[in-house]
Amino acid sequence: MNTDLLRGSCHCGSVKFEVRTKLTPASRCNCSLCRRKGALMTPPFAASELKILSGEASLTLYQFNTRTSRHYFCKHCGIYPFHQTRINPQLWRVNIGCLEGVDPYALEAGVVDGASLSVVDDA
């Protein structure tokens, strides 16, 4: 699989980043947060492969349940560009819909069973 350097941003452009990652196998998660946001995610990659180019101050952090994973959102437009994973906090995933020149609807996606990792109901 290709691991070219990809560029991305939130909707309003406040947060810009680049990442070196594969696009497939793309996945969705069935936890309560991911079900609601509906994002298609890249495979996990090492934190060192993500570089925030601008707008770090525009990011806000959301954590829930065990507070292990770290979901980042643009505080201006509300878009989720990336998150640190719960299963392995050394790994990250990017919202494929935020990547330039990538059509998330052209990719097949599996489902990650994040709901089974919950320690509270419906999380």
N, C-alpha and C. Protein backbone atom coordinates (compact mmCIF):
# COMPACT_ATOMS: atom_id res chain seq x y z
N MET A 1 0.83 -1.19 0.00
CA MET A 1 0.00 0.00 0.00
C MET A 1 0.87 1.25 0.00
N ASN A 2 0.36 2.29 -0.58
CA ASN A 2 1.07 3.54 -0.72
C ASN A 2 1.06 4.32 0.59
N THR A 3 2.22 4.84 0.97
CA THR A 3 2.29 5.68 2.17
C THR A 3 2.86 7.04 1.80
N ASP A 4 2.34 7.63 0.75
CA ASP A 4 2.77 8.96 0.33
C ASP A 4 2.42 9.98 1.40
N LEU A 5 3.09 11.11 1.32
CA LEU A 5 2.79 12.20 2.22
C LEU A 5 1.49 12.86 1.75
N LEU A 6 0.51 12.91 2.62
CA LEU A 6 -0.80 13.48 2.31
C LEU A 6 -1.01 14.75 3.12
N ARG A 7 -1.73 15.70 2.56
CA ARG A 7 -2.06 16.94 3.28
C ARG A 7 -3.54 16.94 3.59
N GLY A 8 -3.88 17.61 4.68
CA GLY A 8 -5.28 17.69 5.05
C GLY A 8 -5.56 18.92 5.87
N SER A 9 -6.85 19.14 6.12
CA SER A 9 -7.26 20.29 6.93
C SER A 9 -8.67 20.05 7.45
N CYS A 10 -9.04 20.89 8.41
CA CYS A 10 -10.43 20.91 8.87
C CYS A 10 -11.26 21.63 7.80
N HIS A 11 -12.53 21.83 8.00
CA HIS A 11 -13.40 22.46 7.01
C HIS A 11 -13.06 23.93 6.78
N CYS A 12 -12.82 24.67 7.85
CA CYS A 12 -12.56 26.11 7.71
C CYS A 12 -11.11 26.43 7.37
N GLY A 13 -10.23 25.44 7.42
CA GLY A 13 -8.83 25.65 7.07
C GLY A 13 -7.96 26.15 8.20
N SER A 14 -8.53 26.29 9.39
CA SER A 14 -7.72 26.74 10.53
C SER A 14 -6.65 25.73 10.91
N VAL A 15 -7.00 24.45 10.81
CA VAL A 15 -6.07 23.37 11.16
C VAL A 15 -5.59 22.73 9.85
N LYS A 16 -4.27 22.78 9.65
CA LYS A 16 -3.68 22.13 8.48
C LYS A 16 -2.63 21.15 8.96
N PHE A 17 -2.57 20.00 8.29
CA PHE A 17 -1.63 18.96 8.72
C PHE A 17 -1.15 18.17 7.53
N GLU A 18 -0.10 17.40 7.76
CA GLU A 18 0.33 16.41 6.78
C GLU A 18 0.57 15.10 7.51
N VAL A 19 0.39 14.02 6.77
CA VAL A 19 0.50 12.70 7.38
C VAL A 19 1.05 11.72 6.34
N ARG A 20 1.85 10.81 6.81
CA ARG A 20 2.34 9.72 5.97
C ARG A 20 1.64 8.46 6.47
N THR A 21 0.67 7.98 5.68
CA THR A 21 -0.11 6.82 6.07
C THR A 21 -0.69 6.13 4.85
N LYS A 22 -1.10 4.92 5.03
CA LYS A 22 -1.88 4.20 4.03
C LYS A 22 -3.31 4.71 4.11
N LEU A 23 -4.05 4.54 3.05
CA LEU A 23 -5.48 4.87 3.06
C LEU A 23 -6.34 3.64 3.31
N THR A 24 -5.79 2.49 2.99
CA THR A 24 -6.55 1.26 3.17
C THR A 24 -5.75 0.26 3.99
N PRO A 25 -6.37 -0.56 4.77
CA PRO A 25 -7.82 -0.68 4.86
C PRO A 25 -8.44 0.45 5.70
N ALA A 26 -9.34 1.17 5.09
CA ALA A 26 -10.07 2.23 5.79
C ALA A 26 -11.11 1.58 6.71
N SER A 27 -11.50 2.30 7.76
CA SER A 27 -12.49 1.72 8.66
C SER A 27 -13.34 2.79 9.33
N ARG A 28 -14.45 2.32 9.84
CA ARG A 28 -15.32 3.10 10.70
C ARG A 28 -15.32 2.39 12.04
N CYS A 29 -15.69 3.09 13.09
CA CYS A 29 -15.75 2.50 14.43
C CYS A 29 -17.20 2.51 14.88
N ASN A 30 -17.59 1.51 15.67
CA ASN A 30 -18.99 1.43 16.13
C ASN A 30 -19.18 1.94 17.55
N CYS A 31 -18.17 2.61 18.14
CA CYS A 31 -18.39 3.18 19.49
C CYS A 31 -19.40 4.32 19.38
N SER A 32 -19.89 4.78 20.51
CA SER A 32 -20.95 5.79 20.50
C SER A 32 -20.51 7.10 19.84
N LEU A 33 -19.28 7.52 20.03
CA LEU A 33 -18.81 8.77 19.42
C LEU A 33 -18.65 8.60 17.91
N CYS A 34 -17.97 7.56 17.50
CA CYS A 34 -17.73 7.36 16.07
C CYS A 34 -19.02 7.10 15.29
N ARG A 35 -19.95 6.39 15.89
CA ARG A 35 -21.25 6.20 15.23
C ARG A 35 -21.88 7.54 14.93
N ARG A 36 -21.76 8.46 15.85
CA ARG A 36 -22.39 9.77 15.68
C ARG A 36 -21.64 10.67 14.70
N LYS A 37 -20.31 10.61 14.70
CA LYS A 37 -19.56 11.48 13.79
C LYS A 37 -19.43 10.87 12.39
N GLY A 38 -19.51 9.55 12.27
CA GLY A 38 -19.55 8.89 10.98
C GLY A 38 -18.32 9.01 10.11
N ALA A 39 -17.17 9.27 10.68
CA ALA A 39 -15.96 9.47 9.89
C ALA A 39 -15.37 8.16 9.39
N LEU A 40 -14.75 8.23 8.25
CA LEU A 40 -13.97 7.13 7.70
C LEU A 40 -12.52 7.39 8.08
N MET A 41 -11.87 6.41 8.69
CA MET A 41 -10.53 6.62 9.24
C MET A 41 -9.47 5.82 8.48
N THR A 42 -8.26 6.37 8.48
CA THR A 42 -7.11 5.66 7.92
C THR A 42 -6.77 4.49 8.84
N PRO A 43 -5.92 3.60 8.36
CA PRO A 43 -5.37 2.60 9.28
C PRO A 43 -4.52 3.32 10.34
N PRO A 44 -4.27 2.69 11.47
CA PRO A 44 -3.44 3.32 12.50
C PRO A 44 -2.01 3.55 12.00
N PHE A 45 -1.40 4.63 12.46
CA PHE A 45 -0.02 4.95 12.11
C PHE A 45 0.68 5.55 13.33
N ALA A 46 2.00 5.57 13.32
CA ALA A 46 2.78 6.11 14.43
C ALA A 46 2.60 7.62 14.53
N ALA A 47 2.58 8.12 15.76
CA ALA A 47 2.39 9.55 16.01
C ALA A 47 3.40 10.40 15.23
N SER A 48 4.59 9.90 15.04
CA SER A 48 5.64 10.65 14.34
C SER A 48 5.30 10.91 12.87
N GLU A 49 4.29 10.20 12.32
CA GLU A 49 3.90 10.37 10.92
C GLU A 49 2.90 11.51 10.71
N LEU A 50 2.43 12.13 11.80
CA LEU A 50 1.48 13.25 11.73
C LEU A 50 2.18 14.53 12.14
N LYS A 51 2.07 15.54 11.29
CA LYS A 51 2.67 16.84 11.60
C LYS A 51 1.61 17.92 11.42
N ILE A 52 1.35 18.68 12.48
CA ILE A 52 0.41 19.79 12.39
C ILE A 52 1.17 20.98 11.80
N LEU A 53 0.74 21.46 10.66
CA LEU A 53 1.42 22.56 9.98
C LEU A 53 0.99 23.92 10.50
N SER A 54 -0.29 24.05 10.84
CA SER A 54 -0.80 25.30 11.40
C SER A 54 -2.10 25.04 12.12
N GLY A 55 -2.42 25.91 13.06
CA GLY A 55 -3.70 25.84 13.73
C GLY A 55 -3.78 24.96 14.96
N GLU A 56 -2.65 24.59 15.52
CA GLU A 56 -2.70 23.74 16.72
C GLU A 56 -3.53 24.38 17.83
N ALA A 57 -3.48 25.70 17.94
CA ALA A 57 -4.27 26.41 18.96
C ALA A 57 -5.77 26.35 18.65
N SER A 58 -6.14 26.01 17.43
CA SER A 58 -7.55 25.90 17.05
C SER A 58 -8.14 24.53 17.38
N LEU A 59 -7.29 23.60 17.80
CA LEU A 59 -7.77 22.26 18.15
C LEU A 59 -8.29 22.21 19.57
N THR A 60 -9.35 21.48 19.75
CA THR A 60 -9.87 21.21 21.09
C THR A 60 -9.94 19.69 21.26
N LEU A 61 -9.75 19.27 22.48
CA LEU A 61 -9.68 17.85 22.80
C LEU A 61 -10.98 17.37 23.41
N TYR A 62 -11.43 16.19 22.96
CA TYR A 62 -12.58 15.55 23.57
C TYR A 62 -12.19 14.14 23.97
N GLN A 63 -12.45 13.80 25.22
CA GLN A 63 -12.21 12.45 25.71
C GLN A 63 -13.45 11.97 26.44
N PHE A 64 -13.69 10.65 26.40
CA PHE A 64 -14.85 10.09 27.08
C PHE A 64 -14.52 8.67 27.51
N ASN A 65 -15.44 8.04 28.21
CA ASN A 65 -15.31 6.66 28.65
C ASN A 65 -14.04 6.49 29.49
N THR A 66 -13.04 5.77 29.00
CA THR A 66 -11.81 5.55 29.79
C THR A 66 -10.84 6.73 29.68
N ARG A 67 -11.14 7.69 28.83
CA ARG A 67 -10.30 8.86 28.60
C ARG A 67 -8.88 8.49 28.12
N THR A 68 -8.79 7.37 27.43
CA THR A 68 -7.50 6.95 26.88
C THR A 68 -7.28 7.56 25.50
N SER A 69 -8.26 7.42 24.62
CA SER A 69 -8.11 8.01 23.29
C SER A 69 -8.31 9.52 23.38
N ARG A 70 -7.73 10.20 22.41
CA ARG A 70 -7.78 11.67 22.38
C ARG A 70 -8.32 12.08 21.02
N HIS A 71 -9.55 12.56 21.00
CA HIS A 71 -10.21 12.98 19.76
C HIS A 71 -10.07 14.50 19.64
N TYR A 72 -9.52 14.95 18.53
CA TYR A 72 -9.31 16.38 18.32
C TYR A 72 -10.31 16.92 17.32
N PHE A 73 -10.81 18.13 17.60
CA PHE A 73 -11.77 18.82 16.76
C PHE A 73 -11.33 20.25 16.58
N CYS A 74 -11.66 20.85 15.45
CA CYS A 74 -11.42 22.28 15.25
C CYS A 74 -12.47 23.03 16.05
N LYS A 75 -12.05 23.95 16.89
CA LYS A 75 -13.01 24.68 17.73
C LYS A 75 -13.78 25.74 16.95
N HIS A 76 -13.42 25.96 15.69
CA HIS A 76 -14.14 26.93 14.86
C HIS A 76 -15.22 26.27 14.01
N CYS A 77 -14.86 25.18 13.31
CA CYS A 77 -15.83 24.55 12.41
C CYS A 77 -16.36 23.22 12.93
N GLY A 78 -15.75 22.66 13.97
CA GLY A 78 -16.25 21.43 14.58
C GLY A 78 -15.81 20.14 13.92
N ILE A 79 -14.99 20.23 12.89
CA ILE A 79 -14.57 19.02 12.17
C ILE A 79 -13.49 18.27 12.94
N TYR A 80 -13.62 16.93 12.92
CA TYR A 80 -12.65 16.03 13.54
C TYR A 80 -11.60 15.63 12.51
N PRO A 81 -10.35 16.10 12.64
CA PRO A 81 -9.32 15.72 11.66
C PRO A 81 -8.55 14.45 12.02
N PHE A 82 -8.35 14.18 13.32
CA PHE A 82 -7.55 13.01 13.72
C PHE A 82 -7.75 12.69 15.19
N HIS A 83 -7.29 11.48 15.56
CA HIS A 83 -7.36 11.09 16.97
C HIS A 83 -6.25 10.10 17.32
N GLN A 84 -5.93 10.08 18.58
CA GLN A 84 -5.01 9.10 19.16
C GLN A 84 -5.87 7.91 19.57
N THR A 85 -5.43 6.69 19.25
CA THR A 85 -6.29 5.53 19.48
C THR A 85 -6.32 5.06 20.93
N ARG A 86 -7.37 4.35 21.24
CA ARG A 86 -7.54 3.81 22.58
C ARG A 86 -6.78 2.49 22.78
N ILE A 87 -6.82 1.63 21.77
CA ILE A 87 -6.17 0.33 21.90
C ILE A 87 -4.66 0.48 22.08
N ASN A 88 -4.06 1.43 21.36
CA ASN A 88 -2.63 1.69 21.49
C ASN A 88 -2.41 3.19 21.37
N PRO A 89 -2.24 3.91 22.48
CA PRO A 89 -2.08 5.37 22.45
C PRO A 89 -0.85 5.85 21.67
N GLN A 90 0.02 4.94 21.24
CA GLN A 90 1.16 5.32 20.39
C GLN A 90 0.73 5.48 18.93
N LEU A 91 -0.50 5.05 18.63
CA LEU A 91 -0.99 5.09 17.25
C LEU A 91 -2.08 6.14 17.07
N TRP A 92 -2.17 6.67 15.87
CA TRP A 92 -3.14 7.70 15.51
C TRP A 92 -3.89 7.27 14.26
N ARG A 93 -5.01 7.93 13.99
CA ARG A 93 -5.78 7.77 12.76
C ARG A 93 -6.23 9.14 12.30
N VAL A 94 -6.38 9.29 10.98
CA VAL A 94 -6.84 10.54 10.39
C VAL A 94 -8.21 10.32 9.76
N ASN A 95 -9.04 11.33 9.81
CA ASN A 95 -10.33 11.35 9.13
C ASN A 95 -10.05 11.51 7.64
N ILE A 96 -10.31 10.47 6.87
CA ILE A 96 -10.00 10.47 5.44
C ILE A 96 -10.73 11.61 4.70
N GLY A 97 -11.88 12.01 5.18
CA GLY A 97 -12.61 13.11 4.57
C GLY A 97 -11.90 14.45 4.66
N CYS A 98 -10.89 14.55 5.51
CA CYS A 98 -10.12 15.79 5.66
C CYS A 98 -8.89 15.83 4.74
N LEU A 99 -8.62 14.75 4.03
CA LEU A 99 -7.42 14.68 3.19
C LEU A 99 -7.66 15.26 1.80
N GLU A 100 -6.72 16.05 1.33
CA GLU A 100 -6.83 16.68 0.01
C GLU A 100 -6.73 15.62 -1.09
N GLY A 101 -7.62 15.71 -2.07
CA GLY A 101 -7.56 14.86 -3.24
C GLY A 101 -7.96 13.42 -3.02
N VAL A 102 -8.58 13.11 -1.89
CA VAL A 102 -9.00 11.73 -1.59
C VAL A 102 -10.53 11.71 -1.49
N ASP A 103 -11.15 10.82 -2.22
CA ASP A 103 -12.61 10.66 -2.17
C ASP A 103 -12.94 9.54 -1.19
N PRO A 104 -13.43 9.87 0.01
CA PRO A 104 -13.71 8.83 0.98
C PRO A 104 -14.82 7.88 0.54
N TYR A 105 -15.65 8.31 -0.40
CA TYR A 105 -16.75 7.46 -0.87
C TYR A 105 -16.28 6.42 -1.89
N ALA A 106 -15.04 6.56 -2.35
CA ALA A 106 -14.50 5.60 -3.31
C ALA A 106 -13.78 4.44 -2.62
N LEU A 107 -13.67 4.50 -1.30
CA LEU A 107 -12.95 3.48 -0.54
C LEU A 107 -13.91 2.52 0.16
N GLU A 108 -13.60 1.25 0.14
CA GLU A 108 -14.36 0.29 0.93
C GLU A 108 -13.90 0.41 2.37
N ALA A 109 -14.80 0.12 3.31
CA ALA A 109 -14.45 0.26 4.72
C ALA A 109 -15.01 -0.87 5.56
N GLY A 110 -14.21 -1.32 6.49
CA GLY A 110 -14.65 -2.28 7.48
C GLY A 110 -15.09 -1.53 8.73
N VAL A 111 -15.47 -2.29 9.74
CA VAL A 111 -15.91 -1.69 11.00
C VAL A 111 -15.02 -2.20 12.13
N VAL A 112 -14.50 -1.27 12.92
CA VAL A 112 -13.71 -1.57 14.11
C VAL A 112 -14.69 -1.67 15.27
N ASP A 113 -14.58 -2.68 16.11
CA ASP A 113 -15.52 -2.88 17.22
C ASP A 113 -15.09 -2.12 18.47
N GLY A 114 -15.12 -0.80 18.40
CA GLY A 114 -14.79 0.03 19.56
C GLY A 114 -15.82 -0.07 20.66
N ALA A 115 -17.06 -0.40 20.32
CA ALA A 115 -18.12 -0.51 21.33
C ALA A 115 -17.79 -1.59 22.36
N SER A 116 -17.11 -2.64 21.93
CA SER A 116 -16.79 -3.72 22.87
C SER A 116 -15.72 -3.33 23.88
N LEU A 117 -15.04 -2.21 23.66
CA LEU A 117 -14.00 -1.74 24.58
C LEU A 117 -14.58 -0.84 25.67
N SER A 118 -15.85 -0.53 25.59
CA SER A 118 -16.47 0.40 26.53
C SER A 118 -16.55 -0.16 27.94
N VAL A 119 -16.38 0.73 28.89
CA VAL A 119 -16.56 0.36 30.30
C VAL A 119 -17.87 0.93 30.86
N VAL A 120 -18.59 1.69 30.03
CA VAL A 120 -19.89 2.22 30.41
C VAL A 120 -20.90 1.88 29.32
N ASP A 121 -22.17 1.87 29.63
CA ASP A 121 -23.20 1.55 28.64
C ASP A 121 -23.21 2.58 27.52
N ASP A 122 -23.45 2.11 26.30
CA ASP A 122 -23.60 2.93 25.09
C ASP A 122 -22.45 3.90 24.89
N ALA A 123 -21.23 3.42 25.11
CA ALA A 123 -20.08 4.27 24.84
C ALA A 123 -19.11 3.48 24.01
